[in-house]
Amino acid sequence: VYVTVRDKLEGWWLPGGGARRVWQVVR
């Protein structure tokens, strides 16, 4: 469970990931 969640969160923060783009728009 831990590895699955960690990998998903890291994927969101990689360049081109959705969370990173959202953060850039907010900033």
mmCIF file of all heavy atoms, coordinates in Angstrom:
data_MODEL
# 
_entry.id   MODEL 
# 
loop_
_atom_site.group_PDB 
_atom_site.id 
_atom_site.type_symbol 
_atom_site.label_atom_id 
_atom_site.label_alt_id 
_atom_site.label_comp_id 
_atom_site.label_asym_id 
_atom_site.label_entity_id 
_atom_site.label_seq_id 
_atom_site.pdbx_PDB_ins_code 
_atom_site.Cartn_x 
_atom_site.Cartn_y 
_atom_site.Cartn_z 
_atom_site.occupancy 
_atom_site.B_iso_or_equiv 
_atom_site.pdbx_formal_charge 
_atom_site.auth_seq_id 
_atom_site.auth_comp_id 
_atom_site.auth_asym_id 
_atom_site.auth_atom_id 
_atom_site.pdbx_PDB_model_num 
ATOM 1   N N   . VAL A 1 1  ? 0.843  -1.202 0.000   1.00 0.00 ? 1  VAL A N   1 
ATOM 2   C CA  . VAL A 1 1  ? 0.000  0.000  0.000   1.00 0.00 ? 1  VAL A CA  1 
ATOM 3   C C   . VAL A 1 1  ? 0.878  1.251  0.000   1.00 0.00 ? 1  VAL A C   1 
ATOM 4   O O   . VAL A 1 1  ? 0.662  2.190  -0.772  1.00 0.00 ? 1  VAL A O   1 
ATOM 5   C CB  . VAL A 1 1  ? -0.959 -0.018 1.212   1.00 0.00 ? 1  VAL A CB  1 
ATOM 6   C CG1 . VAL A 1 1  ? -1.703 1.303  1.341   1.00 0.00 ? 1  VAL A CG1 1 
ATOM 7   C CG2 . VAL A 1 1  ? -1.921 -1.192 1.108   1.00 0.00 ? 1  VAL A CG2 1 
ATOM 8   N N   . TYR A 1 2  ? 1.899  1.266  0.851   1.00 0.00 ? 2  TYR A N   1 
ATOM 9   C CA  . TYR A 1 2  ? 2.793  2.419  0.951   1.00 0.00 ? 2  TYR A CA  1 
ATOM 10  C C   . TYR A 1 2  ? 3.486  2.702  -0.386  1.00 0.00 ? 2  TYR A C   1 
ATOM 11  O O   . TYR A 1 2  ? 3.512  3.837  -0.857  1.00 0.00 ? 2  TYR A O   1 
ATOM 12  C CB  . TYR A 1 2  ? 3.838  2.181  2.049   1.00 0.00 ? 2  TYR A CB  1 
ATOM 13  C CG  . TYR A 1 2  ? 4.965  3.175  2.025   1.00 0.00 ? 2  TYR A CG  1 
ATOM 14  C CD1 . TYR A 1 2  ? 4.786  4.469  2.505   1.00 0.00 ? 2  TYR A CD1 1 
ATOM 15  C CD2 . TYR A 1 2  ? 6.204  2.840  1.486   1.00 0.00 ? 2  TYR A CD2 1 
ATOM 16  C CE1 . TYR A 1 2  ? 5.816  5.392  2.460   1.00 0.00 ? 2  TYR A CE1 1 
ATOM 17  C CE2 . TYR A 1 2  ? 7.238  3.750  1.440   1.00 0.00 ? 2  TYR A CE2 1 
ATOM 18  C CZ  . TYR A 1 2  ? 7.039  5.030  1.929   1.00 0.00 ? 2  TYR A CZ  1 
ATOM 19  O OH  . TYR A 1 2  ? 8.057  5.941  1.871   1.00 0.00 ? 2  TYR A OH  1 
ATOM 20  N N   . VAL A 1 3  ? 4.042  1.668  -1.003  1.00 0.00 ? 3  VAL A N   1 
ATOM 21  C CA  . VAL A 1 3  ? 4.770  1.840  -2.269  1.00 0.00 ? 3  VAL A CA  1 
ATOM 22  C C   . VAL A 1 3  ? 3.821  2.333  -3.362  1.00 0.00 ? 3  VAL A C   1 
ATOM 23  O O   . VAL A 1 3  ? 4.180  3.208  -4.160  1.00 0.00 ? 3  VAL A O   1 
ATOM 24  C CB  . VAL A 1 3  ? 5.469  0.523  -2.680  1.00 0.00 ? 3  VAL A CB  1 
ATOM 25  C CG1 . VAL A 1 3  ? 5.966  0.567  -4.104  1.00 0.00 ? 3  VAL A CG1 1 
ATOM 26  C CG2 . VAL A 1 3  ? 6.597  0.218  -1.723  1.00 0.00 ? 3  VAL A CG2 1 
ATOM 27  N N   . THR A 1 4  ? 2.621  1.796  -3.402  1.00 0.00 ? 4  THR A N   1 
ATOM 28  C CA  . THR A 1 4  ? 1.655  2.205  -4.422  1.00 0.00 ? 4  THR A CA  1 
ATOM 29  C C   . THR A 1 4  ? 1.301  3.685  -4.271  1.00 0.00 ? 4  THR A C   1 
ATOM 30  O O   . THR A 1 4  ? 1.311  4.439  -5.252  1.00 0.00 ? 4  THR A O   1 
ATOM 31  C CB  . THR A 1 4  ? 0.385  1.337  -4.328  1.00 0.00 ? 4  THR A CB  1 
ATOM 32  O OG1 . THR A 1 4  ? 0.751  -0.032 -4.489  1.00 0.00 ? 4  THR A OG1 1 
ATOM 33  C CG2 . THR A 1 4  ? -0.624 1.723  -5.394  1.00 0.00 ? 4  THR A CG2 1 
ATOM 34  N N   . VAL A 1 5  ? 1.023  4.110  -3.056  1.00 0.00 ? 5  VAL A N   1 
ATOM 35  C CA  . VAL A 1 5  ? 0.675  5.512  -2.812  1.00 0.00 ? 5  VAL A CA  1 
ATOM 36  C C   . VAL A 1 5  ? 1.873  6.418  -3.086  1.00 0.00 ? 5  VAL A C   1 
ATOM 37  O O   . VAL A 1 5  ? 1.747  7.459  -3.736  1.00 0.00 ? 5  VAL A O   1 
ATOM 38  C CB  . VAL A 1 5  ? 0.152  5.703  -1.374  1.00 0.00 ? 5  VAL A CB  1 
ATOM 39  C CG1 . VAL A 1 5  ? 0.012  7.174  -1.015  1.00 0.00 ? 5  VAL A CG1 1 
ATOM 40  C CG2 . VAL A 1 5  ? -1.170 4.977  -1.200  1.00 0.00 ? 5  VAL A CG2 1 
ATOM 41  N N   . ARG A 1 6  ? 3.059  6.026  -2.614  1.00 0.00 ? 6  ARG A N   1 
ATOM 42  C CA  . ARG A 1 6  ? 4.263  6.830  -2.839  1.00 0.00 ? 6  ARG A CA  1 
ATOM 43  C C   . ARG A 1 6  ? 4.535  7.010  -4.330  1.00 0.00 ? 6  ARG A C   1 
ATOM 44  O O   . ARG A 1 6  ? 4.817  8.119  -4.800  1.00 0.00 ? 6  ARG A O   1 
ATOM 45  C CB  . ARG A 1 6  ? 5.474  6.170  -2.175  1.00 0.00 ? 6  ARG A CB  1 
ATOM 46  C CG  . ARG A 1 6  ? 6.752  7.012  -2.305  1.00 0.00 ? 6  ARG A CG  1 
ATOM 47  C CD  . ARG A 1 6  ? 7.992  6.223  -2.050  1.00 0.00 ? 6  ARG A CD  1 
ATOM 48  N NE  . ARG A 1 6  ? 8.142  5.233  -3.126  1.00 0.00 ? 6  ARG A NE  1 
ATOM 49  C CZ  . ARG A 1 6  ? 8.770  4.082  -2.981  1.00 0.00 ? 6  ARG A CZ  1 
ATOM 50  N NH1 . ARG A 1 6  ? 9.296  3.740  -1.833  1.00 0.00 ? 6  ARG A NH1 1 
ATOM 51  N NH2 . ARG A 1 6  ? 8.869  3.237  -3.988  1.00 0.00 ? 6  ARG A NH2 1 
ATOM 52  N N   . ASP A 1 7  ? 4.442  5.920  -5.089  1.00 0.00 ? 7  ASP A N   1 
ATOM 53  C CA  . ASP A 1 7  ? 4.704  6.001  -6.521  1.00 0.00 ? 7  ASP A CA  1 
ATOM 54  C C   . ASP A 1 7  ? 3.691  6.905  -7.222  1.00 0.00 ? 7  ASP A C   1 
ATOM 55  O O   . ASP A 1 7  ? 4.044  7.666  -8.119  1.00 0.00 ? 7  ASP A O   1 
ATOM 56  C CB  . ASP A 1 7  ? 4.706  4.610  -7.152  1.00 0.00 ? 7  ASP A CB  1 
ATOM 57  C CG  . ASP A 1 7  ? 5.914  3.786  -6.750  1.00 0.00 ? 7  ASP A CG  1 
ATOM 58  O OD1 . ASP A 1 7  ? 6.870  4.361  -6.175  1.00 0.00 ? 7  ASP A OD1 1 
ATOM 59  O OD2 . ASP A 1 7  ? 5.905  2.567  -7.007  1.00 0.00 ? 7  ASP A OD2 1 
ATOM 60  N N   . LYS A 1 8  ? 2.442  6.833  -6.814  1.00 0.00 ? 8  LYS A N   1 
ATOM 61  C CA  . LYS A 1 8  ? 1.414  7.690  -7.417  1.00 0.00 ? 8  LYS A CA  1 
ATOM 62  C C   . LYS A 1 8  ? 1.698  9.155  -7.102  1.00 0.00 ? 8  LYS A C   1 
ATOM 63  O O   . LYS A 1 8  ? 1.634  10.014 -7.986  1.00 0.00 ? 8  LYS A O   1 
ATOM 64  C CB  . LYS A 1 8  ? 0.039  7.293  -6.891  1.00 0.00 ? 8  LYS A CB  1 
ATOM 65  C CG  . LYS A 1 8  ? -1.096 8.107  -7.468  1.00 0.00 ? 8  LYS A CG  1 
ATOM 66  C CD  . LYS A 1 8  ? -1.185 8.017  -8.971  1.00 0.00 ? 8  LYS A CD  1 
ATOM 67  C CE  . LYS A 1 8  ? -1.931 6.806  -9.414  1.00 0.00 ? 8  LYS A CE  1 
ATOM 68  N NZ  . LYS A 1 8  ? -2.162 6.751  -10.856 1.00 0.00 ? 8  LYS A NZ  1 
ATOM 69  N N   . LEU A 1 9  ? 2.042  9.457  -5.861  1.00 0.00 ? 9  LEU A N   1 
ATOM 70  C CA  . LEU A 1 9  ? 2.341  10.844 -5.486  1.00 0.00 ? 9  LEU A CA  1 
ATOM 71  C C   . LEU A 1 9  ? 3.583  11.366 -6.203  1.00 0.00 ? 9  LEU A C   1 
ATOM 72  O O   . LEU A 1 9  ? 3.604  12.511 -6.661  1.00 0.00 ? 9  LEU A O   1 
ATOM 73  C CB  . LEU A 1 9  ? 2.516  10.956 -3.968  1.00 0.00 ? 9  LEU A CB  1 
ATOM 74  C CG  . LEU A 1 9  ? 1.249  10.761 -3.142  1.00 0.00 ? 9  LEU A CG  1 
ATOM 75  C CD1 . LEU A 1 9  ? 1.589  10.741 -1.658  1.00 0.00 ? 9  LEU A CD1 1 
ATOM 76  C CD2 . LEU A 1 9  ? 0.230  11.840 -3.446  1.00 0.00 ? 9  LEU A CD2 1 
ATOM 77  N N   . GLU A 1 10 ? 4.616  10.535 -6.303  1.00 0.00 ? 10 GLU A N   1 
ATOM 78  C CA  . GLU A 1 10 ? 5.818  10.957 -7.023  1.00 0.00 ? 10 GLU A CA  1 
ATOM 79  C C   . GLU A 1 10 ? 5.511  11.211 -8.497  1.00 0.00 ? 10 GLU A C   1 
ATOM 80  O O   . GLU A 1 10 ? 6.043  12.129 -9.098  1.00 0.00 ? 10 GLU A O   1 
ATOM 81  C CB  . GLU A 1 10 ? 6.921  9.913  -6.887  1.00 0.00 ? 10 GLU A CB  1 
ATOM 82  C CG  . GLU A 1 10 ? 7.594  9.924  -5.539  1.00 0.00 ? 10 GLU A CG  1 
ATOM 83  C CD  . GLU A 1 10 ? 8.679  8.868  -5.419  1.00 0.00 ? 10 GLU A CD  1 
ATOM 84  O OE1 . GLU A 1 10 ? 8.843  8.052  -6.353  1.00 0.00 ? 10 GLU A OE1 1 
ATOM 85  O OE2 . GLU A 1 10 ? 9.356  8.858  -4.386  1.00 0.00 ? 10 GLU A OE2 1 
ATOM 86  N N   . GLY A 1 11 ? 4.652  10.413 -9.079  1.00 0.00 ? 11 GLY A N   1 
ATOM 87  C CA  . GLY A 1 11 ? 4.269  10.609 -10.475 1.00 0.00 ? 11 GLY A CA  1 
ATOM 88  C C   . GLY A 1 11 ? 3.574  11.936 -10.693 1.00 0.00 ? 11 GLY A C   1 
ATOM 89  O O   . GLY A 1 11 ? 3.752  12.589 -11.722 1.00 0.00 ? 11 GLY A O   1 
ATOM 90  N N   . TRP A 1 12 ? 2.795  12.356 -9.722  1.00 0.00 ? 12 TRP A N   1 
ATOM 91  C CA  . TRP A 1 12 ? 2.119  13.641 -9.837  1.00 0.00 ? 12 TRP A CA  1 
ATOM 92  C C   . TRP A 1 12 ? 3.103  14.799 -9.792  1.00 0.00 ? 12 TRP A C   1 
ATOM 93  O O   . TRP A 1 12 ? 2.852  15.850 -10.355 1.00 0.00 ? 12 TRP A O   1 
ATOM 94  C CB  . TRP A 1 12 ? 1.101  13.808 -8.724  1.00 0.00 ? 12 TRP A CB  1 
ATOM 95  C CG  . TRP A 1 12 ? -0.137 12.997 -8.908  1.00 0.00 ? 12 TRP A CG  1 
ATOM 96  C CD1 . TRP A 1 12 ? -0.565 12.374 -10.041 1.00 0.00 ? 12 TRP A CD1 1 
ATOM 97  C CD2 . TRP A 1 12 ? -1.103 12.724 -7.913  1.00 0.00 ? 12 TRP A CD2 1 
ATOM 98  N NE1 . TRP A 1 12 ? -1.742 11.722 -9.808  1.00 0.00 ? 12 TRP A NE1 1 
ATOM 99  C CE2 . TRP A 1 12 ? -2.101 11.925 -8.508  1.00 0.00 ? 12 TRP A CE2 1 
ATOM 100 C CE3 . TRP A 1 12 ? -1.235 13.065 -6.585  1.00 0.00 ? 12 TRP A CE3 1 
ATOM 101 C CZ2 . TRP A 1 12 ? -3.207 11.478 -7.810  1.00 0.00 ? 12 TRP A CZ2 1 
ATOM 102 C CZ3 . TRP A 1 12 ? -2.347 12.615 -5.895  1.00 0.00 ? 12 TRP A CZ3 1 
ATOM 103 C CH2 . TRP A 1 12 ? -3.317 11.827 -6.499  1.00 0.00 ? 12 TRP A CH2 1 
ATOM 104 N N   . TRP A 1 13 ? 4.229  14.620 -9.092  1.00 0.00 ? 13 TRP A N   1 
ATOM 105 C CA  . TRP A 1 13 ? 5.180  15.715 -8.945  1.00 0.00 ? 13 TRP A CA  1 
ATOM 106 C C   . TRP A 1 13 ? 6.280  15.723 -9.990  1.00 0.00 ? 13 TRP A C   1 
ATOM 107 O O   . TRP A 1 13 ? 7.073  16.640 -10.052 1.00 0.00 ? 13 TRP A O   1 
ATOM 108 C CB  . TRP A 1 13 ? 5.802  15.705 -7.542  1.00 0.00 ? 13 TRP A CB  1 
ATOM 109 C CG  . TRP A 1 13 ? 4.807  16.178 -6.550  1.00 0.00 ? 13 TRP A CG  1 
ATOM 110 C CD1 . TRP A 1 13 ? 4.148  15.407 -5.656  1.00 0.00 ? 13 TRP A CD1 1 
ATOM 111 C CD2 . TRP A 1 13 ? 4.330  17.512 -6.353  1.00 0.00 ? 13 TRP A CD2 1 
ATOM 112 N NE1 . TRP A 1 13 ? 3.279  16.176 -4.924  1.00 0.00 ? 13 TRP A NE1 1 
ATOM 113 C CE2 . TRP A 1 13 ? 3.370  17.468 -5.325  1.00 0.00 ? 13 TRP A CE2 1 
ATOM 114 C CE3 . TRP A 1 13 ? 4.604  18.731 -6.956  1.00 0.00 ? 13 TRP A CE3 1 
ATOM 115 C CZ2 . TRP A 1 13 ? 2.700  18.599 -4.888  1.00 0.00 ? 13 TRP A CZ2 1 
ATOM 116 C CZ3 . TRP A 1 13 ? 3.930  19.859 -6.517  1.00 0.00 ? 13 TRP A CZ3 1 
ATOM 117 C CH2 . TRP A 1 13 ? 2.995  19.781 -5.499  1.00 0.00 ? 13 TRP A CH2 1 
ATOM 118 N N   . LEU A 1 14 ? 6.335  14.711 -10.832 1.00 0.00 ? 14 LEU A N   1 
ATOM 119 C CA  . LEU A 1 14 ? 7.332  14.696 -11.898 1.00 0.00 ? 14 LEU A CA  1 
ATOM 120 C C   . LEU A 1 14 ? 7.018  15.788 -12.922 1.00 0.00 ? 14 LEU A C   1 
ATOM 121 O O   . LEU A 1 14 ? 5.873  16.216 -13.048 1.00 0.00 ? 14 LEU A O   1 
ATOM 122 C CB  . LEU A 1 14 ? 7.349  13.332 -12.590 1.00 0.00 ? 14 LEU A CB  1 
ATOM 123 C CG  . LEU A 1 14 ? 7.914  12.183 -11.763 1.00 0.00 ? 14 LEU A CG  1 
ATOM 124 C CD1 . LEU A 1 14 ? 7.749  10.874 -12.531 1.00 0.00 ? 14 LEU A CD1 1 
ATOM 125 C CD2 . LEU A 1 14 ? 9.368  12.416 -11.438 1.00 0.00 ? 14 LEU A CD2 1 
ATOM 126 N N   . PRO A 1 15 ? 8.018  16.237 -13.659 1.00 0.00 ? 15 PRO A N   1 
ATOM 127 C CA  . PRO A 1 15 ? 7.745  17.246 -14.693 1.00 0.00 ? 15 PRO A CA  1 
ATOM 128 C C   . PRO A 1 15 ? 6.648  16.760 -15.629 1.00 0.00 ? 15 PRO A C   1 
ATOM 129 O O   . PRO A 1 15 ? 6.666  15.624 -16.103 1.00 0.00 ? 15 PRO A O   1 
ATOM 130 C CB  . PRO A 1 15 ? 9.072  17.375 -15.431 1.00 0.00 ? 15 PRO A CB  1 
ATOM 131 C CG  . PRO A 1 15 ? 10.098 16.948 -14.438 1.00 0.00 ? 15 PRO A CG  1 
ATOM 132 C CD  . PRO A 1 15 ? 9.429  15.899 -13.586 1.00 0.00 ? 15 PRO A CD  1 
ATOM 133 N N   . GLY A 1 16 ? 5.688  17.637 -15.876 1.00 0.00 ? 16 GLY A N   1 
ATOM 134 C CA  . GLY A 1 16 ? 4.564  17.261 -16.722 1.00 0.00 ? 16 GLY A CA  1 
ATOM 135 C C   . GLY A 1 16 ? 3.424  16.646 -15.931 1.00 0.00 ? 16 GLY A C   1 
ATOM 136 O O   . GLY A 1 16 ? 2.368  16.384 -16.483 1.00 0.00 ? 16 GLY A O   1 
ATOM 137 N N   . GLY A 1 17 ? 3.639  16.401 -14.643 1.00 0.00 ? 17 GLY A N   1 
ATOM 138 C CA  . GLY A 1 17 ? 2.586  15.834 -13.807 1.00 0.00 ? 17 GLY A CA  1 
ATOM 139 C C   . GLY A 1 17 ? 1.504  16.864 -13.522 1.00 0.00 ? 17 GLY A C   1 
ATOM 140 O O   . GLY A 1 17 ? 1.751  18.067 -13.518 1.00 0.00 ? 17 GLY A O   1 
ATOM 141 N N   . GLY A 1 18 ? 0.294  16.414 -13.285 1.00 0.00 ? 18 GLY A N   1 
ATOM 142 C CA  . GLY A 1 18 ? -0.838 17.302 -13.071 1.00 0.00 ? 18 GLY A CA  1 
ATOM 143 C C   . GLY A 1 18 ? -0.674 18.217 -11.869 1.00 0.00 ? 18 GLY A C   1 
ATOM 144 O O   . GLY A 1 18 ? -0.967 19.413 -11.938 1.00 0.00 ? 18 GLY A O   1 
ATOM 145 N N   . ALA A 1 19 ? -0.183 17.711 -10.753 1.00 0.00 ? 19 ALA A N   1 
ATOM 146 C CA  . ALA A 1 19 ? -0.054 18.519 -9.541  1.00 0.00 ? 19 ALA A CA  1 
ATOM 147 C C   . ALA A 1 19 ? 0.956  19.636 -9.745  1.00 0.00 ? 19 ALA A C   1 
ATOM 148 O O   . ALA A 1 19 ? 0.763  20.758 -9.256  1.00 0.00 ? 19 ALA A O   1 
ATOM 149 C CB  . ALA A 1 19 ? 0.354  17.642 -8.366  1.00 0.00 ? 19 ALA A CB  1 
ATOM 150 N N   . ARG A 1 20 ? 2.011  19.373 -10.471 1.00 0.00 ? 20 ARG A N   1 
ATOM 151 C CA  . ARG A 1 20 ? 3.028  20.402 -10.715 1.00 0.00 ? 20 ARG A CA  1 
ATOM 152 C C   . ARG A 1 20 ? 2.440  21.541 -11.553 1.00 0.00 ? 20 ARG A C   1 
ATOM 153 O O   . ARG A 1 20 ? 2.690  22.719 -11.293 1.00 0.00 ? 20 ARG A O   1 
ATOM 154 C CB  . ARG A 1 20 ? 4.235  19.789 -11.400 1.00 0.00 ? 20 ARG A CB  1 
ATOM 155 C CG  . ARG A 1 20 ? 5.394  20.737 -11.533 1.00 0.00 ? 20 ARG A CG  1 
ATOM 156 C CD  . ARG A 1 20 ? 6.587  19.993 -12.129 1.00 0.00 ? 20 ARG A CD  1 
ATOM 157 N NE  . ARG A 1 20 ? 7.765  20.782 -12.063 1.00 0.00 ? 20 ARG A NE  1 
ATOM 158 C CZ  . ARG A 1 20 ? 8.613  20.805 -11.041 1.00 0.00 ? 20 ARG A CZ  1 
ATOM 159 N NH1 . ARG A 1 20 ? 8.376  20.070 -9.992  1.00 0.00 ? 20 ARG A NH1 1 
ATOM 160 N NH2 . ARG A 1 20 ? 9.680  21.565 -11.072 1.00 0.00 ? 20 ARG A NH2 1 
ATOM 161 N N   . ARG A 1 21 ? 1.653  21.190 -12.557 1.00 0.00 ? 21 ARG A N   1 
ATOM 162 C CA  . ARG A 1 21 ? 1.029  22.216 -13.388 1.00 0.00 ? 21 ARG A CA  1 
ATOM 163 C C   . ARG A 1 21 ? 0.028  23.030 -12.588 1.00 0.00 ? 21 ARG A C   1 
ATOM 164 O O   . ARG A 1 21 ? -0.032 24.258 -12.737 1.00 0.00 ? 21 ARG A O   1 
ATOM 165 C CB  . ARG A 1 21 ? 0.362  21.577 -14.599 1.00 0.00 ? 21 ARG A CB  1 
ATOM 166 C CG  . ARG A 1 21 ? 1.376  21.270 -15.691 1.00 0.00 ? 21 ARG A CG  1 
ATOM 167 C CD  . ARG A 1 21 ? 0.741  20.700 -16.916 1.00 0.00 ? 21 ARG A CD  1 
ATOM 168 N NE  . ARG A 1 21 ? 0.774  19.248 -16.712 1.00 0.00 ? 21 ARG A NE  1 
ATOM 169 C CZ  . ARG A 1 21 ? -0.201 18.415 -17.030 1.00 0.00 ? 21 ARG A CZ  1 
ATOM 170 N NH1 . ARG A 1 21 ? -1.307 18.856 -17.569 1.00 0.00 ? 21 ARG A NH1 1 
ATOM 171 N NH2 . ARG A 1 21 ? -0.087 17.129 -16.809 1.00 0.00 ? 21 ARG A NH2 1 
ATOM 172 N N   . VAL A 1 22 ? -0.734 22.390 -11.753 1.00 0.00 ? 22 VAL A N   1 
ATOM 173 C CA  . VAL A 1 22 ? -1.692 23.112 -10.902 1.00 0.00 ? 22 VAL A CA  1 
ATOM 174 C C   . VAL A 1 22 ? -0.938 24.074 -10.002 1.00 0.00 ? 22 VAL A C   1 
ATOM 175 O O   . VAL A 1 22 ? -1.332 25.236 -9.843  1.00 0.00 ? 22 VAL A O   1 
ATOM 176 C CB  . VAL A 1 22 ? -2.544 22.133 -10.074 1.00 0.00 ? 22 VAL A CB  1 
ATOM 177 C CG1 . VAL A 1 22 ? -3.327 22.858 -8.997  1.00 0.00 ? 22 VAL A CG1 1 
ATOM 178 C CG2 . VAL A 1 22 ? -3.473 21.350 -10.984 1.00 0.00 ? 22 VAL A CG2 1 
ATOM 179 N N   . TRP A 1 23 ? 0.155  23.634 -9.403  1.00 0.00 ? 23 TRP A N   1 
ATOM 180 C CA  . TRP A 1 23 ? 0.944  24.493 -8.511  1.00 0.00 ? 23 TRP A CA  1 
ATOM 181 C C   . TRP A 1 23 ? 1.481  25.707 -9.287  1.00 0.00 ? 23 TRP A C   1 
ATOM 182 O O   . TRP A 1 23 ? 1.463  26.830 -8.786  1.00 0.00 ? 23 TRP A O   1 
ATOM 183 C CB  . TRP A 1 23 ? 2.076  23.709 -7.895  1.00 0.00 ? 23 TRP A CB  1 
ATOM 184 C CG  . TRP A 1 23 ? 2.983  24.552 -7.035  1.00 0.00 ? 23 TRP A CG  1 
ATOM 185 C CD1 . TRP A 1 23 ? 4.265  24.886 -7.311  1.00 0.00 ? 23 TRP A CD1 1 
ATOM 186 C CD2 . TRP A 1 23 ? 2.655  25.181 -5.808  1.00 0.00 ? 23 TRP A CD2 1 
ATOM 187 N NE1 . TRP A 1 23 ? 4.769  25.683 -6.313  1.00 0.00 ? 23 TRP A NE1 1 
ATOM 188 C CE2 . TRP A 1 23 ? 3.791  25.880 -5.368  1.00 0.00 ? 23 TRP A CE2 1 
ATOM 189 C CE3 . TRP A 1 23 ? 1.501  25.226 -5.016  1.00 0.00 ? 23 TRP A CE3 1 
ATOM 190 C CZ2 . TRP A 1 23 ? 3.826  26.606 -4.199  1.00 0.00 ? 23 TRP A CZ2 1 
ATOM 191 C CZ3 . TRP A 1 23 ? 1.553  25.952 -3.838  1.00 0.00 ? 23 TRP A CZ3 1 
ATOM 192 C CH2 . TRP A 1 23 ? 2.690  26.630 -3.442  1.00 0.00 ? 23 TRP A CH2 1 
ATOM 193 N N   . GLN A 1 24 ? 1.933  25.510 -10.500 1.00 0.00 ? 24 GLN A N   1 
ATOM 194 C CA  . GLN A 1 24 ? 2.453  26.625 -11.294 1.00 0.00 ? 24 GLN A CA  1 
ATOM 195 C C   . GLN A 1 24 ? 1.354  27.636 -11.615 1.00 0.00 ? 24 GLN A C   1 
ATOM 196 O O   . GLN A 1 24 ? 1.584  28.852 -11.557 1.00 0.00 ? 24 GLN A O   1 
ATOM 197 C CB  . GLN A 1 24 ? 3.086  26.098 -12.583 1.00 0.00 ? 24 GLN A CB  1 
ATOM 198 C CG  . GLN A 1 24 ? 4.384  25.376 -12.345 1.00 0.00 ? 24 GLN A CG  1 
ATOM 199 C CD  . GLN A 1 24 ? 4.898  24.691 -13.592 1.00 0.00 ? 24 GLN A CD  1 
ATOM 200 O OE1 . GLN A 1 24 ? 4.195  24.553 -14.580 1.00 0.00 ? 24 GLN A OE1 1 
ATOM 201 N NE2 . GLN A 1 24 ? 6.151  24.245 -13.537 1.00 0.00 ? 24 GLN A NE2 1 
ATOM 202 N N   . VAL A 1 25 ? 0.170  27.171 -11.924 1.00 0.00 ? 25 VAL A N   1 
ATOM 203 C CA  . VAL A 1 25 ? -0.946 28.066 -12.207 1.00 0.00 ? 25 VAL A CA  1 
ATOM 204 C C   . VAL A 1 25 ? -1.312 28.858 -10.966 1.00 0.00 ? 25 VAL A C   1 
ATOM 205 O O   . VAL A 1 25 ? -1.524 30.072 -11.020 1.00 0.00 ? 25 VAL A O   1 
ATOM 206 C CB  . VAL A 1 25 ? -2.161 27.281 -12.728 1.00 0.00 ? 25 VAL A CB  1 
ATOM 207 C CG1 . VAL A 1 25 ? -3.408 28.144 -12.770 1.00 0.00 ? 25 VAL A CG1 1 
ATOM 208 C CG2 . VAL A 1 25 ? -1.858 26.695 -14.116 1.00 0.00 ? 25 VAL A CG2 1 
ATOM 209 N N   . VAL A 1 26 ? -1.373 28.193 -9.822  1.00 0.00 ? 26 VAL A N   1 
ATOM 210 C CA  . VAL A 1 26 ? -1.711 28.873 -8.562  1.00 0.00 ? 26 VAL A CA  1 
ATOM 211 C C   . VAL A 1 26 ? -0.639 29.895 -8.206  1.00 0.00 ? 26 VAL A C   1 
ATOM 212 O O   . VAL A 1 26 ? -0.951 31.011 -7.804  1.00 0.00 ? 26 VAL A O   1 
ATOM 213 C CB  . VAL A 1 26 ? -1.885 27.846 -7.422  1.00 0.00 ? 26 VAL A CB  1 
ATOM 214 C CG1 . VAL A 1 26 ? -1.976 28.519 -6.073  1.00 0.00 ? 26 VAL A CG1 1 
ATOM 215 C CG2 . VAL A 1 26 ? -3.103 26.974 -7.682  1.00 0.00 ? 26 VAL A CG2 1 
ATOM 216 N N   . ARG A 1 27 ? 0.595  29.557 -8.382  1.00 0.00 ? 27 ARG A N   1 
ATOM 217 C CA  . ARG A 1 27 ? 1.698  30.435 -8.021  1.00 0.00 ? 27 ARG A CA  1 
ATOM 218 C C   . ARG A 1 27 ? 1.790  31.655 -8.927  1.00 0.00 ? 27 ARG A C   1 
ATOM 219 O O   . ARG A 1 27 ? 2.086  32.757 -8.481  1.00 0.00 ? 27 ARG A O   1 
ATOM 220 C CB  . ARG A 1 27 ? 3.009  29.655 -8.089  1.00 0.00 ? 27 ARG A CB  1 
ATOM 221 C CG  . ARG A 1 27 ? 3.894  29.918 -6.907  1.00 0.00 ? 27 ARG A CG  1 
ATOM 222 C CD  . ARG A 1 27 ? 5.095  29.065 -6.916  1.00 0.00 ? 27 ARG A CD  1 
ATOM 223 N NE  . ARG A 1 27 ? 5.883  29.349 -8.123  1.00 0.00 ? 27 ARG A NE  1 
ATOM 224 C CZ  . ARG A 1 27 ? 6.954  28.679 -8.474  1.00 0.00 ? 27 ARG A CZ  1 
ATOM 225 N NH1 . ARG A 1 27 ? 7.359  27.678 -7.745  1.00 0.00 ? 27 ARG A NH1 1 
ATOM 226 N NH2 . ARG A 1 27 ? 7.622  28.982 -9.550  1.00 0.00 ? 27 ARG A NH2 1 
# 
